């Protein structure tokens, strides 16, 4: 069997980029809640 042609972002950018993206999403959501109704 030959190597697959799939190009995963985790393989290309590494797992830290994936973790940073999730953390950025959580931070952006918390900031929106903070602006909307004083969540933090």
PDB file of N, CA and C in Angstrom:
ATOM      1  N   UNK A   1       0.842  -1.200   0.000  1.00  0.00           N
ATOM      2  CA  UNK A   1       0.000   0.000   0.000  1.00  0.00           C
ATOM      3  C   UNK A   1       0.879   1.253   0.000  1.00  0.00           C
ATOM      4  N   UNK A   2       0.485   2.181  -0.793  1.00  0.00           N
ATOM      5  CA  UNK A   2       1.244   3.428  -0.847  1.00  0.00           C
ATOM      6  C   UNK A   2       0.757   4.388   0.231  1.00  0.00           C
ATOM      7  N   UNK A   3       1.531   5.386   0.454  1.00  0.00           N
ATOM      8  CA  UNK A   3       1.188   6.445   1.427  1.00  0.00           C
ATOM      9  C   UNK A   3      -0.076   7.169   0.952  1.00  0.00           C
ATOM     10  N   UNK A   4      -0.933   7.517   1.896  1.00  0.00           N
ATOM     11  CA  UNK A   4      -2.150   8.231   1.547  1.00  0.00           C
ATOM     12  C   UNK A   4      -1.870   9.647   1.063  1.00  0.00           C
ATOM     13  N   UNK A   5      -2.821  10.219   0.373  1.00  0.00           N
ATOM     14  CA  UNK A   5      -2.642  11.573  -0.152  1.00  0.00           C
ATOM     15  C   UNK A   5      -3.246  12.617   0.783  1.00  0.00           C
ATOM     16  N   UNK A   6      -3.744  12.198   1.910  1.00  0.00           N
ATOM     17  CA  UNK A   6      -4.369  13.121   2.842  1.00  0.00           C
ATOM     18  C   UNK A   6      -3.311  14.014   3.501  1.00  0.00           C
ATOM     19  N   UNK A   7      -3.599  15.311   3.602  1.00  0.00           N
ATOM     20  CA  UNK A   7      -2.660  16.271   4.193  1.00  0.00           C
ATOM     21  C   UNK A   7      -3.339  16.921   5.403  1.00  0.00           C
ATOM     22  N   UNK A   8      -3.149  16.332   6.557  1.00  0.00           N
ATOM     23  CA  UNK A   8      -3.786  16.839   7.769  1.00  0.00           C
ATOM     24  C   UNK A   8      -3.105  18.105   8.256  1.00  0.00           C
ATOM     25  N   UNK A   9      -3.885  19.003   8.823  1.00  0.00           N
ATOM     26  CA  UNK A   9      -3.320  20.230   9.379  1.00  0.00           C
ATOM     27  C   UNK A   9      -2.432  19.938  10.576  1.00  0.00           C
ATOM     28  N   UNK A  10      -2.771  18.920  11.361  1.00  0.00           N
ATOM     29  CA  UNK A  10      -1.942  18.592  12.521  1.00  0.00           C
ATOM     30  C   UNK A  10      -0.567  18.123  12.062  1.00  0.00           C
ATOM     31  N   UNK A  11      -0.513  17.355  10.979  1.00  0.00           N
ATOM     32  CA  UNK A  11       0.793  16.926  10.455  1.00  0.00           C
ATOM     33  C   UNK A  11       1.573  18.112   9.906  1.00  0.00           C
ATOM     34  N   UNK A  12       0.869  19.041   9.264  1.00  0.00           N
ATOM     35  CA  UNK A  12       1.550  20.176   8.617  1.00  0.00           C
ATOM     36  C   UNK A  12       1.983  21.237   9.633  1.00  0.00           C
ATOM     37  N   UNK A  13       1.089  21.617  10.538  1.00  0.00           N
ATOM     38  CA  UNK A  13       1.385  22.702  11.479  1.00  0.00           C
ATOM     39  C   UNK A  13       1.788  22.220  12.864  1.00  0.00           C
ATOM     40  N   UNK A  14       1.517  20.983  13.190  1.00  0.00           N
ATOM     41  CA  UNK A  14       1.846  20.438  14.500  1.00  0.00           C
ATOM     42  C   UNK A  14       0.695  20.581  15.476  1.00  0.00           C
ATOM     43  N   UNK A  15       0.736  19.835  16.569  1.00  0.00           N
ATOM     44  CA  UNK A  15      -0.382  19.839  17.524  1.00  0.00           C
ATOM     45  C   UNK A  15      -0.535  21.153  18.279  1.00  0.00           C
ATOM     46  N   UNK A  16       0.527  21.947  18.376  1.00  0.00           N
ATOM     47  CA  UNK A  16       0.417  23.205  19.130  1.00  0.00           C
ATOM     48  C   UNK A  16      -0.441  24.227  18.403  1.00  0.00           C
ATOM     49  N   UNK A  17      -0.438  24.200  17.074  1.00  0.00           N
ATOM     50  CA  UNK A  17      -1.303  25.099  16.318  1.00  0.00           C
ATOM     51  C   UNK A  17      -2.767  24.736  16.534  1.00  0.00           C
ATOM     52  N   UNK A  18      -3.067  23.440  16.601  1.00  0.00           N
ATOM     53  CA  UNK A  18      -4.427  22.990  16.881  1.00  0.00           C
ATOM     54  C   UNK A  18      -4.857  23.462  18.267  1.00  0.00           C
ATOM     55  N   UNK A  19      -3.999  23.287  19.258  1.00  0.00           N
ATOM     56  CA  UNK A  19      -4.315  23.712  20.625  1.00  0.00           C
ATOM     57  C   UNK A  19      -4.472  25.231  20.707  1.00  0.00           C
ATOM     58  N   UNK A  20      -3.648  25.960  19.982  1.00  0.00           N
ATOM     59  CA  UNK A  20      -3.751  27.424  19.980  1.00  0.00           C
ATOM     60  C   UNK A  20      -5.058  27.868  19.337  1.00  0.00           C
ATOM     61  N   UNK A  21      -5.508  27.181  18.310  1.00  0.00           N
ATOM     62  CA  UNK A  21      -6.776  27.512  17.669  1.00  0.00           C
ATOM     63  C   UNK A  21      -7.954  27.296  18.600  1.00  0.00           C
ATOM     64  N   UNK A  22      -7.941  26.187  19.330  1.00  0.00           N
ATOM     65  CA  UNK A  22      -9.011  25.921  20.301  1.00  0.00           C
ATOM     66  C   UNK A  22      -8.979  26.975  21.410  1.00  0.00           C
ATOM     67  N   UNK A  23      -7.792  27.290  21.917  1.00  0.00           N
ATOM     68  CA  UNK A  23      -7.667  28.291  22.980  1.00  0.00           C
ATOM     69  C   UNK A  23      -8.118  29.663  22.495  1.00  0.00           C
ATOM     70  N   UNK A  24      -7.809  30.008  21.245  1.00  0.00           N
ATOM     71  CA  UNK A  24      -8.245  31.280  20.686  1.00  0.00           C
ATOM     72  C   UNK A  24      -9.771  31.338  20.602  1.00  0.00           C
ATOM     73  N   UNK A  25     -10.391  30.242  20.188  1.00  0.00           N
ATOM     74  CA  UNK A  25     -11.847  30.187  20.120  1.00  0.00           C
ATOM     75  C   UNK A  25     -12.494  30.342  21.482  1.00  0.00           C
ATOM     76  N   UNK A  26     -11.940  29.680  22.482  1.00  0.00           N
ATOM     77  CA  UNK A  26     -12.473  29.792  23.846  1.00  0.00           C
ATOM     78  C   UNK A  26     -12.286  31.212  24.375  1.00  0.00           C
ATOM     79  N   UNK A  27     -11.122  31.803  24.134  1.00  0.00           N
ATOM     80  CA  UNK A  27     -10.865  33.168  24.592  1.00  0.00           C
ATOM     81  C   UNK A  27     -11.790  34.165  23.897  1.00  0.00           C
ATOM     82  N   UNK A  28     -12.025  33.984  22.603  1.00  0.00           N
ATOM     83  CA  UNK A  28     -12.907  34.885  21.875  1.00  0.00           C
ATOM     84  C   UNK A  28     -14.345  34.769  22.385  1.00  0.00           C
ATOM     85  N   UNK A  29     -14.789  33.540  22.677  1.00  0.00           N
ATOM     86  CA  UNK A  29     -16.137  33.347  23.207  1.00  0.00           C
ATOM     87  C   UNK A  29     -16.267  33.966  24.596  1.00  0.00           C
ATOM     88  N   UNK A  30     -15.263  33.802  25.455  1.00  0.00           N
ATOM     89  CA  UNK A  30     -15.300  34.403  26.787  1.00  0.00           C
ATOM     90  C   UNK A  30     -15.307  35.922  26.694  1.00  0.00           C
ATOM     91  N   UNK A  31     -14.554  36.490  25.745  1.00  0.00           N
ATOM     92  CA  UNK A  31     -14.538  37.936  25.559  1.00  0.00           C
ATOM     93  C   UNK A  31     -15.900  38.449  25.096  1.00  0.00           C
ATOM     94  N   UNK A  32     -16.550  37.711  24.211  1.00  0.00           N
ATOM     95  CA  UNK A  32     -17.879  38.119  23.752  1.00  0.00           C
ATOM     96  C   UNK A  32     -18.889  38.070  24.897  1.00  0.00           C
ATOM     97  N   UNK A  33     -18.807  37.040  25.740  1.00  0.00           N
ATOM     98  CA  UNK A  33     -19.682  36.988  26.913  1.00  0.00           C
ATOM     99  C   UNK A  33     -19.383  38.136  27.869  1.00  0.00           C
ATOM    100  N   UNK A  34     -18.107  38.470  28.006  1.00  0.00           N
ATOM    101  CA  UNK A  34     -17.701  39.579  28.878  1.00  0.00           C
ATOM    102  C   UNK A  34     -18.290  40.895  28.393  1.00  0.00           C
ATOM    103  N   UNK A  35     -18.247  41.121  27.081  1.00  0.00           N
ATOM    104  CA  UNK A  35     -18.818  42.354  26.542  1.00  0.00           C
ATOM    105  C   UNK A  35     -20.338  42.363  26.643  1.00  0.00           C
ATOM    106  N   UNK A  36     -20.961  41.224  26.471  1.00  0.00           N
ATOM    107  CA  UNK A  36     -22.427  41.158  26.391  1.00  0.00           C
ATOM    108  C   UNK A  36     -23.081  41.335  27.766  1.00  0.00           C
ATOM    109  N   UNK A  37     -22.631  40.569  28.759  1.00  0.00           N
ATOM    110  CA  UNK A  37     -23.353  40.628  30.032  1.00  0.00           C
ATOM    111  C   UNK A  37     -22.482  40.436  31.262  1.00  0.00           C
ATOM    112  N   UNK A  38     -21.259  40.806  31.210  1.00  0.00           N
ATOM    113  CA  UNK A  38     -20.421  40.754  32.414  1.00  0.00           C
ATOM    114  C   UNK A  38     -20.185  39.353  32.928  1.00  0.00           C
ATOM    115  N   UNK A  39     -19.889  38.412  32.016  1.00  0.00           N
ATOM    116  CA  UNK A  39     -19.701  37.011  32.392  1.00  0.00           C
ATOM    117  C   UNK A  39     -18.498  36.827  33.310  1.00  0.00           C
ATOM    118  N   UNK A  40     -17.413  37.555  33.069  1.00  0.00           N
ATOM    119  CA  UNK A  40     -16.180  37.362  33.859  1.00  0.00           C
ATOM    120  C   UNK A  40     -16.068  38.379  34.979  1.00  0.00           C
TER     121      UNK A  40
END
